[in-house]
């Protein structure tokens, strides 16, 4: 029997009571196809991982400040304009489930990239073991992010690097409907090509879908074999409405 939370429960209780079914959706995704998209474009959209109700419930967690360890005012730090919050160590169940389900799906791609670039692949089969290694290396804080942009807000190009231990892929999930809830606010990737001009990629995040992209750099073919192309990401200016997204990073801060 499926249990439901009382009508008066807050967003965290409602999400915890109903679940999201995200793990099954992750398992059913075409990850070979995603790997090919990453090779061709540097990013790959997943099928829907969260239904609209789950998206709204997760977005509403933003107001439950006790769930978060830190709030960042982007304009204050000259990161752009807008606000985001880092979850605390006790992640809400759907966020923890998504991260745990996505890690083994992305791990073969991460290892393949490392092999092409002649780099070590320090990521074990288990996410928990990888997170333990992060903690042993001095990275112990949660890096899962809930982002909120209003009209006029934007995010400067950057990388989510918090220490020496880095997982090379991360995922952002759109929580609102582009064109209905907000306009503008496209996801941006800028890739520095070897001995060439930079290449930009623009993606609209469909509600509930994830976008997989590189954390730092990725392998691209060159005349000398494989080269590492540095990549940064950001968000274009939101022209109207409210844009919220969930950022899943697989290393600790």
Protein backbone atom coordinates (compact mmCIF):
# COMPACT_ATOMS: atom_id res chain seq x y z
CA UNK A 1 0.00 0.00 0.00
CA UNK A 2 1.33 3.44 -0.90
CA UNK A 3 1.40 5.88 1.98
CA UNK A 4 0.68 9.54 1.39
CA UNK A 5 1.64 12.47 3.55
CA UNK A 6 -1.04 14.54 5.27
CA UNK A 7 -2.25 17.54 3.30
CA UNK A 8 -0.64 19.85 5.86
CA UNK A 9 2.82 18.30 5.51
CA UNK A 10 5.62 20.42 4.10
CA UNK A 11 7.32 19.75 0.75
CA UNK A 12 10.07 17.60 2.25
CA UNK A 13 7.56 15.33 3.99
CA UNK A 14 5.41 15.03 0.86
CA UNK A 15 8.34 14.07 -1.34
CA UNK A 16 9.67 11.59 1.21
CA UNK A 17 6.26 9.95 1.55
CA UNK A 18 5.49 9.58 -2.14
CA UNK A 19 8.95 8.98 -3.63
CA UNK A 20 9.77 9.79 -7.23
CA UNK A 21 10.42 6.55 -9.14
CA UNK A 22 13.58 8.20 -10.43
CA UNK A 23 15.82 5.17 -9.91
CA UNK A 24 13.76 3.06 -12.32
CA UNK A 25 13.77 5.85 -14.89
CA UNK A 26 17.54 6.18 -14.64
CA UNK A 27 17.96 2.43 -15.10
CA UNK A 28 15.74 2.47 -18.20
CA UNK A 29 17.61 5.33 -19.93
CA UNK A 30 19.77 4.75 -23.02
CA UNK A 31 23.20 5.40 -21.51
CA UNK A 32 25.08 4.19 -24.60
CA UNK A 33 23.18 6.85 -26.54
CA UNK A 34 24.00 9.41 -23.86
CA UNK A 35 27.70 8.55 -24.15
CA UNK A 36 27.52 9.13 -27.90
CA UNK A 37 25.81 12.49 -27.36
CA UNK A 38 28.48 13.50 -24.87
CA UNK A 39 31.17 12.60 -27.40
CA UNK A 40 29.46 14.60 -30.13
CA UNK A 41 28.22 17.64 -28.22
CA UNK A 42 29.72 17.65 -24.73
CA UNK A 43 26.32 17.19 -23.08
CA UNK A 44 23.36 14.81 -23.26
CA UNK A 45 19.70 15.11 -22.28
CA UNK A 46 18.21 12.20 -20.35
CA UNK A 47 14.60 11.02 -20.56
CA UNK A 48 12.24 12.39 -17.92
CA UNK A 49 13.61 11.47 -14.50
CA UNK A 50 11.05 13.36 -12.37
CA UNK A 51 7.35 13.82 -12.97
CA UNK A 52 5.84 17.33 -12.66
CA UNK A 53 4.60 16.77 -9.09
CA UNK A 54 8.06 15.68 -7.95
CA UNK A 55 9.62 18.68 -9.70
CA UNK A 56 7.28 21.07 -7.92
CA UNK A 57 7.86 19.40 -4.55
CA UNK A 58 11.64 19.51 -4.89
CA UNK A 59 11.54 23.15 -6.06
CA UNK A 60 9.43 24.01 -2.99
CA UNK A 61 12.17 22.67 -0.72
CA UNK A 62 14.02 25.93 -1.35
CA UNK A 63 11.97 27.62 1.36
CA UNK A 64 12.81 24.95 3.97
CA UNK A 65 16.05 26.61 5.00
CA UNK A 66 16.90 24.00 7.61
CA UNK A 67 17.65 21.55 4.78
CA UNK A 68 20.57 23.63 3.53
CA UNK A 69 24.09 24.30 4.77
CA UNK A 70 24.73 27.47 2.79
CA UNK A 71 22.97 30.11 0.66
CA UNK A 72 24.92 31.94 -2.06
CA UNK A 73 23.88 35.36 -3.36
CA UNK A 74 25.42 35.28 -6.81
CA UNK A 75 25.55 39.05 -7.38
CA UNK A 76 27.44 39.56 -4.12
CA UNK A 77 30.20 37.22 -5.30
CA UNK A 78 30.06 38.44 -8.91
CA UNK A 79 28.96 34.98 -10.08
CA UNK A 80 26.05 36.49 -12.02
CA UNK A 81 22.64 37.23 -10.53
CA UNK A 82 20.31 34.92 -8.63
CA UNK A 83 20.62 32.60 -5.67
CA UNK A 84 21.38 28.99 -4.90
CA UNK A 85 21.56 26.81 -1.83
CA UNK A 86 23.73 23.82 -0.95
CA UNK A 87 21.87 20.99 0.72
CA UNK A 88 23.14 19.83 4.09
CA UNK A 89 24.59 16.36 4.69
CA UNK A 90 21.16 14.73 5.17
CA UNK A 91 19.85 14.91 1.62
CA UNK A 92 16.11 14.70 0.96
CA UNK A 93 15.29 11.19 -0.21
CA UNK A 94 14.60 12.00 -3.87
CA UNK A 95 17.88 13.92 -4.20
CA UNK A 96 19.85 11.08 -2.60
CA UNK A 97 18.05 8.51 -4.77
CA UNK A 98 18.80 10.39 -7.97
CA UNK A 99 22.48 10.80 -7.15
CA UNK A 100 22.83 7.15 -6.13
CA UNK A 101 21.07 5.93 -9.30
CA UNK A 102 23.01 8.20 -11.67
CA UNK A 103 26.51 7.44 -10.36
CA UNK A 104 26.75 3.83 -11.67
CA UNK A 105 25.16 4.89 -14.96
CA UNK A 106 27.79 7.59 -15.49
CA UNK A 107 30.75 5.62 -14.13
CA UNK A 108 31.54 3.70 -17.38
CA UNK A 109 31.62 7.00 -19.30
CA UNK A 110 33.93 8.55 -16.69
CA UNK A 111 36.31 5.59 -16.85
CA UNK A 112 36.29 5.58 -20.66
CA UNK A 113 37.17 9.29 -20.73
CA UNK A 114 40.03 8.73 -18.29
CA UNK A 115 41.39 5.92 -20.44
CA UNK A 116 41.33 8.07 -23.58
CA UNK A 117 43.21 10.85 -21.81
CA UNK A 118 45.70 8.53 -20.12
CA UNK A 119 44.53 9.57 -16.67
CA UNK A 120 43.89 7.50 -13.54
CA UNK A 121 40.28 6.51 -12.88
CA UNK A 122 40.00 6.63 -9.07
CA UNK A 123 36.24 6.13 -8.91
CA UNK A 124 35.15 2.86 -7.27
CA UNK A 125 32.00 0.94 -8.18
CA UNK A 126 30.22 2.23 -5.08
CA UNK A 127 29.17 5.86 -4.65
CA UNK A 128 29.43 5.48 -0.87
CA UNK A 129 33.05 4.33 -1.20
CA UNK A 130 33.84 7.27 -3.49
CA UNK A 131 32.29 9.72 -1.03
CA UNK A 132 34.35 8.14 1.76
CA UNK A 133 37.48 8.79 -0.32
CA UNK A 134 36.41 12.40 -0.73
CA UNK A 135 36.02 12.76 3.03
CA UNK A 136 39.41 11.14 3.63
CA UNK A 137 40.87 13.68 1.19
CA UNK A 138 39.43 16.61 3.13
CA UNK A 139 36.28 17.14 1.04
CA UNK A 140 33.39 16.50 3.42
CA UNK A 141 30.59 18.95 2.61
CA UNK A 142 27.52 18.36 0.46
CA UNK A 143 27.73 19.77 -3.06
CA UNK A 144 24.12 19.16 -4.16
CA UNK A 145 22.56 22.45 -5.24
CA UNK A 146 19.06 23.91 -5.60
CA UNK A 147 19.17 26.97 -7.86
CA UNK A 148 16.65 29.79 -8.21
CA UNK A 149 16.62 32.47 -10.92
CA UNK A 150 14.09 35.27 -11.38
CA UNK A 151 13.70 37.65 -14.33
CA UNK A 152 17.04 39.33 -15.06
CA UNK A 153 19.11 36.66 -13.30
CA UNK A 154 21.92 34.69 -14.96
CA UNK A 155 24.88 32.50 -14.09
CA UNK A 156 28.43 33.29 -15.18
CA UNK A 157 30.50 30.59 -16.89
CA UNK A 158 32.22 28.45 -14.26
CA UNK A 159 33.15 24.95 -13.11
CA UNK A 160 31.98 23.16 -9.96
CA UNK A 161 35.41 22.17 -8.63
CA UNK A 162 35.72 21.95 -4.86
CA UNK A 163 39.05 20.20 -4.37
CA UNK A 164 41.46 17.72 -5.92
CA UNK A 165 38.95 14.86 -6.00
CA UNK A 166 36.62 15.36 -8.96
CA UNK A 167 34.05 13.20 -10.71
CA UNK A 168 34.14 14.27 -14.38
CA UNK A 169 30.39 14.36 -15.03
CA UNK A 170 27.47 16.07 -13.35
CA UNK A 171 23.74 16.47 -13.96
CA UNK A 172 21.31 19.40 -13.81
CA UNK A 173 17.55 18.76 -13.76
CA UNK A 174 14.99 21.35 -14.81
CA UNK A 175 12.18 21.83 -12.29
CA UNK A 176 10.03 24.36 -14.20
CA UNK A 177 8.50 24.49 -17.70
CA UNK A 178 10.38 26.61 -20.22
CA UNK A 179 7.98 28.88 -22.10
CA UNK A 180 5.26 28.61 -19.43
CA UNK A 181 6.97 29.21 -16.08
CA UNK A 182 9.88 31.22 -17.49
CA UNK A 183 11.54 32.38 -20.71
CA UNK A 184 15.23 32.72 -21.45
CA UNK A 185 17.44 30.94 -18.93
CA UNK A 186 18.97 28.48 -21.38
CA UNK A 187 21.81 26.27 -20.16
CA UNK A 188 25.17 27.26 -21.66
CA UNK A 189 28.31 25.24 -22.32
CA UNK A 190 31.49 26.80 -23.70
CA UNK A 191 34.24 24.42 -24.76
CA UNK A 192 37.80 25.50 -25.49
CA UNK A 193 38.80 23.45 -28.52
CA UNK A 194 42.48 22.47 -28.97
CA UNK A 195 44.28 25.14 -31.00
CA UNK A 196 40.93 26.59 -32.16
CA UNK A 197 38.21 29.07 -31.21
CA UNK A 198 35.83 28.11 -28.39
CA UNK A 199 32.55 26.35 -29.17
CA UNK A 200 29.26 27.20 -27.47
CA UNK A 201 26.24 24.93 -26.92
CA UNK A 202 22.79 26.10 -25.77
CA UNK A 203 20.21 23.72 -24.27
CA UNK A 204 16.69 24.30 -22.98
CA UNK A 205 16.06 22.09 -19.94
CA UNK A 206 12.71 20.29 -20.24
CA UNK A 207 10.95 19.92 -16.89
CA UNK A 208 12.01 16.73 -15.13
CA UNK A 209 14.75 15.85 -17.62
CA UNK A 210 18.43 15.83 -16.74
CA UNK A 211 21.31 17.26 -18.70
CA UNK A 212 24.59 15.39 -18.29
CA UNK A 213 27.69 17.48 -18.90
CA UNK A 214 31.35 17.56 -18.02
CA UNK A 215 32.55 18.99 -14.73
CA UNK A 216 35.96 20.19 -15.91
CA UNK A 217 37.06 18.95 -19.34
CA UNK A 218 36.42 16.12 -21.77
CA UNK A 219 38.35 14.13 -24.41
CA UNK A 220 38.20 15.39 -28.00
CA UNK A 221 40.07 14.07 -31.01
CA UNK A 222 43.03 16.04 -32.28
CA UNK A 223 45.83 15.51 -34.78
CA UNK A 224 47.88 14.01 -31.95
CA UNK A 225 45.20 11.69 -30.61
CA UNK A 226 43.00 12.61 -27.66
CA UNK A 227 43.22 16.03 -26.02
CA UNK A 228 41.44 17.44 -22.97
CA UNK A 229 39.09 20.28 -23.93
CA UNK A 230 38.29 22.56 -20.95
CA UNK A 231 34.56 23.26 -20.53
CA UNK A 232 32.68 25.83 -18.47
CA UNK A 233 28.93 26.10 -17.96
CA UNK A 234 26.42 28.80 -17.04
CA UNK A 235 22.86 30.04 -17.59
CA UNK A 236 21.70 32.78 -19.96
CA UNK A 237 19.61 35.68 -18.66
CA UNK A 238 16.11 34.72 -17.53
CA UNK A 239 13.79 37.08 -19.42
CA UNK A 240 10.61 36.40 -17.43
CA UNK A 241 9.21 34.18 -14.70
CA UNK A 242 10.95 31.84 -12.27
CA UNK A 243 13.50 29.17 -13.22
CA UNK A 244 14.57 26.53 -10.71
CA UNK A 245 16.86 23.55 -11.15
CA UNK A 246 18.54 20.79 -9.17
CA UNK A 247 22.30 20.34 -9.57
CA UNK A 248 23.78 16.91 -8.82
CA UNK A 249 27.55 16.78 -8.31
CA UNK A 250 29.25 13.46 -7.55
CA UNK A 251 32.14 14.69 -5.43
CA UNK A 252 32.03 16.49 -2.10
CA UNK A 253 33.15 20.03 -1.37
